[in-house]
């Protein structure tokens, strides 16, 4: 079995090799699948992320969430942690950690235990078909989701969005005890339910 470091390098190379057209087309298909899902329709809050590098482009999804009157939150790296701030417009951002667009940090913070139904849209380098995930190595999402679970968060679902070239077969990713799997996986070609009802 390949190590996480080896898999991260291999999958990032595959993702980087996608053409601009392939990336745009697949990103739109994924966003449409998310917006048609029961999880999205029921959610009052959407936690999303601004795409970085060759990541799947979530712009269409974020614009639609704002248009639908949902509360949209984006992550900001603060020290070793990630804090989600509400944005009212996609221009309410500035370059932050590693040059990634982040909210200014002067609006409402997402407070998990108090929030109604929430859907988190997760990035990642790759996932297998059981939801095992390899991120970028800093553990931001694992720590954030672990903290929410510890405070008894029950109204949030997690949906990973990725290109099909980032989806691996079951067992290809080494699983560690602290890893947290998403409820759903969505690629341009398929939707996989790990838990819940998409």
C-alpha atoms as a PDB file:
ATOM      1  CA  UNK A   1       0.000   0.000   0.000  1.00  0.00           C
ATOM      2  CA  UNK A   2       1.227   3.487  -0.844  1.00  0.00           C
ATOM      3  CA  UNK A   3       1.815   5.957   1.965  1.00  0.00           C
ATOM      4  CA  UNK A   4      -0.371   9.046   2.348  1.00  0.00           C
ATOM      5  CA  UNK A   5       2.536  11.181   1.162  1.00  0.00           C
ATOM      6  CA  UNK A   6       2.950   9.086  -1.993  1.00  0.00           C
ATOM      7  CA  UNK A   7      -0.785   9.102  -2.716  1.00  0.00           C
ATOM      8  CA  UNK A   8      -1.011  12.860  -2.132  1.00  0.00           C
ATOM      9  CA  UNK A   9       1.750  13.502  -4.660  1.00  0.00           C
ATOM     10  CA  UNK A  10       0.308  11.108  -7.259  1.00  0.00           C
ATOM     11  CA  UNK A  11      -3.274  12.384  -7.067  1.00  0.00           C
ATOM     12  CA  UNK A  12      -2.251  16.045  -7.090  1.00  0.00           C
ATOM     13  CA  UNK A  13      -0.291  15.379 -10.275  1.00  0.00           C
ATOM     14  CA  UNK A  14      -3.403  13.803 -11.810  1.00  0.00           C
ATOM     15  CA  UNK A  15      -5.574  16.729 -10.744  1.00  0.00           C
ATOM     16  CA  UNK A  16      -3.061  19.299 -11.977  1.00  0.00           C
ATOM     17  CA  UNK A  17      -3.010  17.541 -15.370  1.00  0.00           C
ATOM     18  CA  UNK A  18      -6.712  18.254 -16.008  1.00  0.00           C
ATOM     19  CA  UNK A  19      -7.244  20.863 -18.708  1.00  0.00           C
ATOM     20  CA  UNK A  20      -9.004  24.132 -17.871  1.00  0.00           C
ATOM     21  CA  UNK A  21     -12.033  22.914 -19.855  1.00  0.00           C
ATOM     22  CA  UNK A  22     -12.148  19.550 -18.044  1.00  0.00           C
ATOM     23  CA  UNK A  23     -11.866  21.270 -14.670  1.00  0.00           C
ATOM     24  CA  UNK A  24     -14.585  23.830 -15.457  1.00  0.00           C
ATOM     25  CA  UNK A  25     -16.968  21.254 -16.916  1.00  0.00           C
ATOM     26  CA  UNK A  26     -16.533  18.795 -14.050  1.00  0.00           C
ATOM     27  CA  UNK A  27     -16.781  21.574 -11.431  1.00  0.00           C
ATOM     28  CA  UNK A  28     -20.114  22.712 -12.857  1.00  0.00           C
ATOM     29  CA  UNK A  29     -21.441  19.134 -12.905  1.00  0.00           C
ATOM     30  CA  UNK A  30     -20.454  18.588  -9.267  1.00  0.00           C
ATOM     31  CA  UNK A  31     -21.975  21.896  -8.125  1.00  0.00           C
ATOM     32  CA  UNK A  32     -25.264  21.050  -9.865  1.00  0.00           C
ATOM     33  CA  UNK A  33     -25.364  17.622  -8.176  1.00  0.00           C
ATOM     34  CA  UNK A  34     -24.796  19.258  -4.785  1.00  0.00           C
ATOM     35  CA  UNK A  35     -27.495  21.887  -5.386  1.00  0.00           C
ATOM     36  CA  UNK A  36     -29.997  19.177  -6.348  1.00  0.00           C
ATOM     37  CA  UNK A  37     -29.301  17.097  -3.248  1.00  0.00           C
ATOM     38  CA  UNK A  38     -31.672  16.779  -0.310  1.00  0.00           C
ATOM     39  CA  UNK A  39     -28.822  17.712   2.039  1.00  0.00           C
ATOM     40  CA  UNK A  40     -28.345  21.064   0.264  1.00  0.00           C
ATOM     41  CA  UNK A  41     -32.062  21.806  -0.014  1.00  0.00           C
ATOM     42  CA  UNK A  42     -32.623  21.223   3.710  1.00  0.00           C
ATOM     43  CA  UNK A  43     -29.579  23.195   4.853  1.00  0.00           C
ATOM     44  CA  UNK A  44     -29.958  26.698   6.225  1.00  0.00           C
ATOM     45  CA  UNK A  45     -26.184  27.162   6.514  1.00  0.00           C
ATOM     46  CA  UNK A  46     -23.560  26.232   3.951  1.00  0.00           C
ATOM     47  CA  UNK A  47     -19.909  25.911   4.965  1.00  0.00           C
ATOM     48  CA  UNK A  48     -17.836  25.987   1.799  1.00  0.00           C
ATOM     49  CA  UNK A  49     -14.321  26.898   0.605  1.00  0.00           C
ATOM     50  CA  UNK A  50     -12.758  29.065  -2.062  1.00  0.00           C
ATOM     51  CA  UNK A  51     -10.914  26.888  -4.615  1.00  0.00           C
ATOM     52  CA  UNK A  52      -7.117  26.997  -4.568  1.00  0.00           C
ATOM     53  CA  UNK A  53      -4.808  25.897  -7.366  1.00  0.00           C
ATOM     54  CA  UNK A  54      -6.352  23.034  -9.331  1.00  0.00           C
ATOM     55  CA  UNK A  55      -9.115  22.369  -6.783  1.00  0.00           C
ATOM     56  CA  UNK A  56     -12.695  21.919  -7.901  1.00  0.00           C
ATOM     57  CA  UNK A  57     -14.303  25.339  -8.473  1.00  0.00           C
ATOM     58  CA  UNK A  58     -17.106  25.891  -5.961  1.00  0.00           C
ATOM     59  CA  UNK A  59     -17.995  29.416  -7.145  1.00  0.00           C
ATOM     60  CA  UNK A  60     -21.279  28.382  -8.799  1.00  0.00           C
ATOM     61  CA  UNK A  61     -22.383  26.616  -5.618  1.00  0.00           C
ATOM     62  CA  UNK A  62     -21.493  29.561  -3.393  1.00  0.00           C
ATOM     63  CA  UNK A  63     -23.341  32.040  -5.633  1.00  0.00           C
ATOM     64  CA  UNK A  64     -26.421  29.822  -5.633  1.00  0.00           C
ATOM     65  CA  UNK A  65     -26.337  29.435  -1.837  1.00  0.00           C
ATOM     66  CA  UNK A  66     -26.373  33.217  -1.436  1.00  0.00           C
ATOM     67  CA  UNK A  67     -29.118  33.535  -4.071  1.00  0.00           C
ATOM     68  CA  UNK A  68     -31.184  30.901  -2.212  1.00  0.00           C
ATOM     69  CA  UNK A  69     -30.974  32.921   0.995  1.00  0.00           C
ATOM     70  CA  UNK A  70     -28.753  30.447   2.797  1.00  0.00           C
ATOM     71  CA  UNK A  71     -26.090  31.664   5.205  1.00  0.00           C
ATOM     72  CA  UNK A  72     -22.681  31.076   3.613  1.00  0.00           C
ATOM     73  CA  UNK A  73     -19.538  30.626   5.693  1.00  0.00           C
ATOM     74  CA  UNK A  74     -15.942  30.320   4.472  1.00  0.00           C
ATOM     75  CA  UNK A  75     -12.850  29.198   6.391  1.00  0.00           C
ATOM     76  CA  UNK A  76     -10.077  31.402   7.698  1.00  0.00           C
ATOM     77  CA  UNK A  77      -6.909  29.908   9.141  1.00  0.00           C
ATOM     78  CA  UNK A  78      -6.199  31.307  12.599  1.00  0.00           C
ATOM     79  CA  UNK A  79      -3.037  29.839  14.092  1.00  0.00           C
ATOM     80  CA  UNK A  80      -3.369  26.060  13.908  1.00  0.00           C
ATOM     81  CA  UNK A  81      -7.143  26.140  13.554  1.00  0.00           C
ATOM     82  CA  UNK A  82      -9.800  26.995  11.021  1.00  0.00           C
ATOM     83  CA  UNK A  83     -12.617  29.439  11.824  1.00  0.00           C
ATOM     84  CA  UNK A  84     -15.647  29.881   9.536  1.00  0.00           C
ATOM     85  CA  UNK A  85     -16.889  33.446   9.004  1.00  0.00           C
ATOM     86  CA  UNK A  86     -20.093  34.428   7.256  1.00  0.00           C
ATOM     87  CA  UNK A  87     -19.809  36.124   3.871  1.00  0.00           C
ATOM     88  CA  UNK A  88     -22.626  38.111   2.263  1.00  0.00           C
ATOM     89  CA  UNK A  89     -20.898  38.492  -1.086  1.00  0.00           C
ATOM     90  CA  UNK A  90     -18.109  36.530  -2.765  1.00  0.00           C
ATOM     91  CA  UNK A  91     -16.025  39.690  -2.892  1.00  0.00           C
ATOM     92  CA  UNK A  92     -15.870  39.784   0.934  1.00  0.00           C
ATOM     93  CA  UNK A  93     -12.520  37.964   0.891  1.00  0.00           C
ATOM     94  CA  UNK A  94      -8.799  38.611   0.913  1.00  0.00           C
ATOM     95  CA  UNK A  95      -5.688  36.509   0.375  1.00  0.00           C
ATOM     96  CA  UNK A  96      -4.753  34.587   3.504  1.00  0.00           C
ATOM     97  CA  UNK A  97      -3.048  31.290   4.374  1.00  0.00           C
ATOM     98  CA  UNK A  98      -0.884  30.184   1.409  1.00  0.00           C
ATOM     99  CA  UNK A  99      -2.533  32.835  -0.737  1.00  0.00           C
ATOM    100  CA  UNK A 100      -5.957  31.186  -0.459  1.00  0.00           C
ATOM    101  CA  UNK A 101      -8.924  33.574  -0.516  1.00  0.00           C
ATOM    102  CA  UNK A 102     -10.384  33.843   2.992  1.00  0.00           C
ATOM    103  CA  UNK A 103     -13.138  35.941   4.602  1.00  0.00           C
ATOM    104  CA  UNK A 104     -11.993  39.235   6.105  1.00  0.00           C
ATOM    105  CA  UNK A 105     -12.771  37.926   9.584  1.00  0.00           C
ATOM    106  CA  UNK A 106     -14.995  40.850  10.589  1.00  0.00           C
ATOM    107  CA  UNK A 107     -18.387  39.133  10.340  1.00  0.00           C
ATOM    108  CA  UNK A 108     -20.336  36.489  12.280  1.00  0.00           C
ATOM    109  CA  UNK A 109     -18.471  33.304  13.233  1.00  0.00           C
ATOM    110  CA  UNK A 110     -20.148  29.952  12.634  1.00  0.00           C
ATOM    111  CA  UNK A 111     -21.095  28.560  16.038  1.00  0.00           C
ATOM    112  CA  UNK A 112     -21.853  24.907  15.484  1.00  0.00           C
ATOM    113  CA  UNK A 113     -23.842  24.061  18.572  1.00  0.00           C
ATOM    114  CA  UNK A 114     -26.255  26.965  18.019  1.00  0.00           C
ATOM    115  CA  UNK A 115     -26.700  26.666  14.261  1.00  0.00           C
ATOM    116  CA  UNK A 116     -29.676  25.036  12.537  1.00  0.00           C
ATOM    117  CA  UNK A 117     -29.290  22.504   9.723  1.00  0.00           C
ATOM    118  CA  UNK A 118     -25.871  22.887   8.135  1.00  0.00           C
ATOM    119  CA  UNK A 119     -24.087  21.346   5.168  1.00  0.00           C
ATOM    120  CA  UNK A 120     -20.301  21.475   5.023  1.00  0.00           C
ATOM    121  CA  UNK A 121     -18.694  21.215   1.592  1.00  0.00           C
ATOM    122  CA  UNK A 122     -15.258  19.642   2.093  1.00  0.00           C
ATOM    123  CA  UNK A 123     -12.155  19.685  -0.077  1.00  0.00           C
ATOM    124  CA  UNK A 124      -9.414  17.081  -0.031  1.00  0.00           C
ATOM    125  CA  UNK A 125      -6.594  15.671  -2.114  1.00  0.00           C
ATOM    126  CA  UNK A 126      -8.307  12.296  -2.486  1.00  0.00           C
ATOM    127  CA  UNK A 127     -10.956  10.030  -0.984  1.00  0.00           C
ATOM    128  CA  UNK A 128     -11.688   6.335  -1.260  1.00  0.00           C
ATOM    129  CA  UNK A 129     -15.199   4.992  -1.769  1.00  0.00           C
ATOM    130  CA  UNK A 130     -15.746   4.514   1.969  1.00  0.00           C
ATOM    131  CA  UNK A 131     -14.937   8.172   2.644  1.00  0.00           C
ATOM    132  CA  UNK A 132     -11.358   7.780   3.901  1.00  0.00           C
ATOM    133  CA  UNK A 133      -9.657  11.084   3.147  1.00  0.00           C
ATOM    134  CA  UNK A 134      -6.224  12.496   2.484  1.00  0.00           C
ATOM    135  CA  UNK A 135      -6.058  16.257   2.970  1.00  0.00           C
ATOM    136  CA  UNK A 136      -3.151  18.603   2.578  1.00  0.00           C
ATOM    137  CA  UNK A 137      -1.421  17.405   5.726  1.00  0.00           C
ATOM    138  CA  UNK A 138      -2.301  20.152   8.231  1.00  0.00           C
ATOM    139  CA  UNK A 139      -5.369  18.515   9.815  1.00  0.00           C
ATOM    140  CA  UNK A 140      -7.583  21.628   9.772  1.00  0.00           C
ATOM    141  CA  UNK A 141     -10.794  19.795   8.854  1.00  0.00           C
ATOM    142  CA  UNK A 142     -10.148  16.849  11.196  1.00  0.00           C
ATOM    143  CA  UNK A 143      -9.660  19.222  14.135  1.00  0.00           C
ATOM    144  CA  UNK A 144     -12.656  21.380  13.246  1.00  0.00           C
ATOM    145  CA  UNK A 145     -15.026  18.426  12.867  1.00  0.00           C
ATOM    146  CA  UNK A 146     -13.674  16.671  15.962  1.00  0.00           C
ATOM    147  CA  UNK A 147     -14.357  19.804  18.022  1.00  0.00           C
ATOM    148  CA  UNK A 148     -17.930  19.984  16.699  1.00  0.00           C
ATOM    149  CA  UNK A 149     -18.557  16.350  17.561  1.00  0.00           C
ATOM    150  CA  UNK A 150     -17.184  16.835  21.054  1.00  0.00           C
ATOM    151  CA  UNK A 151     -19.678  19.639  21.674  1.00  0.00           C
ATOM    152  CA  UNK A 152     -22.537  17.396  20.565  1.00  0.00           C
ATOM    153  CA  UNK A 153     -23.154  18.789  17.077  1.00  0.00           C
ATOM    154  CA  UNK A 154     -25.907  16.754  15.420  1.00  0.00           C
ATOM    155  CA  UNK A 155     -27.402  18.990  12.723  1.00  0.00           C
ATOM    156  CA  UNK A 156     -24.479  19.121  10.300  1.00  0.00           C
ATOM    157  CA  UNK A 157     -23.817  16.905   7.308  1.00  0.00           C
ATOM    158  CA  UNK A 158     -20.544  16.814   5.399  1.00  0.00           C
ATOM    159  CA  UNK A 159     -20.193  16.454   1.648  1.00  0.00           C
ATOM    160  CA  UNK A 160     -16.828  16.039  -0.070  1.00  0.00           C
ATOM    161  CA  UNK A 161     -16.595  17.448  -3.600  1.00  0.00           C
ATOM    162  CA  UNK A 162     -13.906  16.097  -5.913  1.00  0.00           C
ATOM    163  CA  UNK A 163     -13.010  15.205  -9.474  1.00  0.00           C
ATOM    164  CA  UNK A 164     -13.366  11.540 -10.425  1.00  0.00           C
ATOM    165  CA  UNK A 165      -9.570  11.333 -10.775  1.00  0.00           C
ATOM    166  CA  UNK A 166      -9.363  11.955  -7.005  1.00  0.00           C
ATOM    167  CA  UNK A 167     -11.611   9.032  -6.082  1.00  0.00           C
ATOM    168  CA  UNK A 168      -9.797   5.839  -5.104  1.00  0.00           C
ATOM    169  CA  UNK A 169     -11.017   2.316  -4.442  1.00  0.00           C
ATOM    170  CA  UNK A 170     -11.858   1.088  -0.939  1.00  0.00           C
ATOM    171  CA  UNK A 171      -8.736   0.282   1.045  1.00  0.00           C
ATOM    172  CA  UNK A 172      -6.298   2.320  -1.040  1.00  0.00           C
ATOM    173  CA  UNK A 173      -6.013   5.022   1.637  1.00  0.00           C
ATOM    174  CA  UNK A 174      -4.368   4.139   4.966  1.00  0.00           C
ATOM    175  CA  UNK A 175      -6.950   4.896   7.693  1.00  0.00           C
ATOM    176  CA  UNK A 176      -5.919   6.523  10.972  1.00  0.00           C
ATOM    177  CA  UNK A 177      -7.944   6.733  14.177  1.00  0.00           C
ATOM    178  CA  UNK A 178      -8.328  10.537  14.064  1.00  0.00           C
ATOM    179  CA  UNK A 179      -9.568  10.620  10.445  1.00  0.00           C
ATOM    180  CA  UNK A 180     -13.157  11.791   9.981  1.00  0.00           C
ATOM    181  CA  UNK A 181     -15.086  10.605   6.935  1.00  0.00           C
ATOM    182  CA  UNK A 182     -17.700  12.748   5.141  1.00  0.00           C
ATOM    183  CA  UNK A 183     -21.350  11.723   4.868  1.00  0.00           C
ATOM    184  CA  UNK A 184     -21.325  11.991   1.071  1.00  0.00           C
ATOM    185  CA  UNK A 185     -18.881  12.010  -1.843  1.00  0.00           C
ATOM    186  CA  UNK A 186     -19.807  13.865  -5.031  1.00  0.00           C
ATOM    187  CA  UNK A 187     -17.850  13.707  -8.294  1.00  0.00           C
ATOM    188  CA  UNK A 188     -18.885  14.748 -11.791  1.00  0.00           C
ATOM    189  CA  UNK A 189     -19.958  11.165 -12.516  1.00  0.00           C
ATOM    190  CA  UNK A 190     -21.368   9.793  -9.245  1.00  0.00           C
ATOM    191  CA  UNK A 191     -22.719  10.456  -5.765  1.00  0.00           C
ATOM    192  CA  UNK A 192     -21.796   8.072  -2.956  1.00  0.00           C
ATOM    193  CA  UNK A 193     -23.645   8.009   0.350  1.00  0.00           C
ATOM    194  CA  UNK A 194     -21.499   7.019   3.324  1.00  0.00           C
ATOM    195  CA  UNK A 195     -24.161   7.972   5.885  1.00  0.00           C
ATOM    196  CA  UNK A 196     -27.571   9.595   5.563  1.00  0.00           C
ATOM    197  CA  UNK A 197     -29.840  10.222   2.588  1.00  0.00           C
ATOM    198  CA  UNK A 198     -28.450  12.387  -0.193  1.00  0.00           C
END
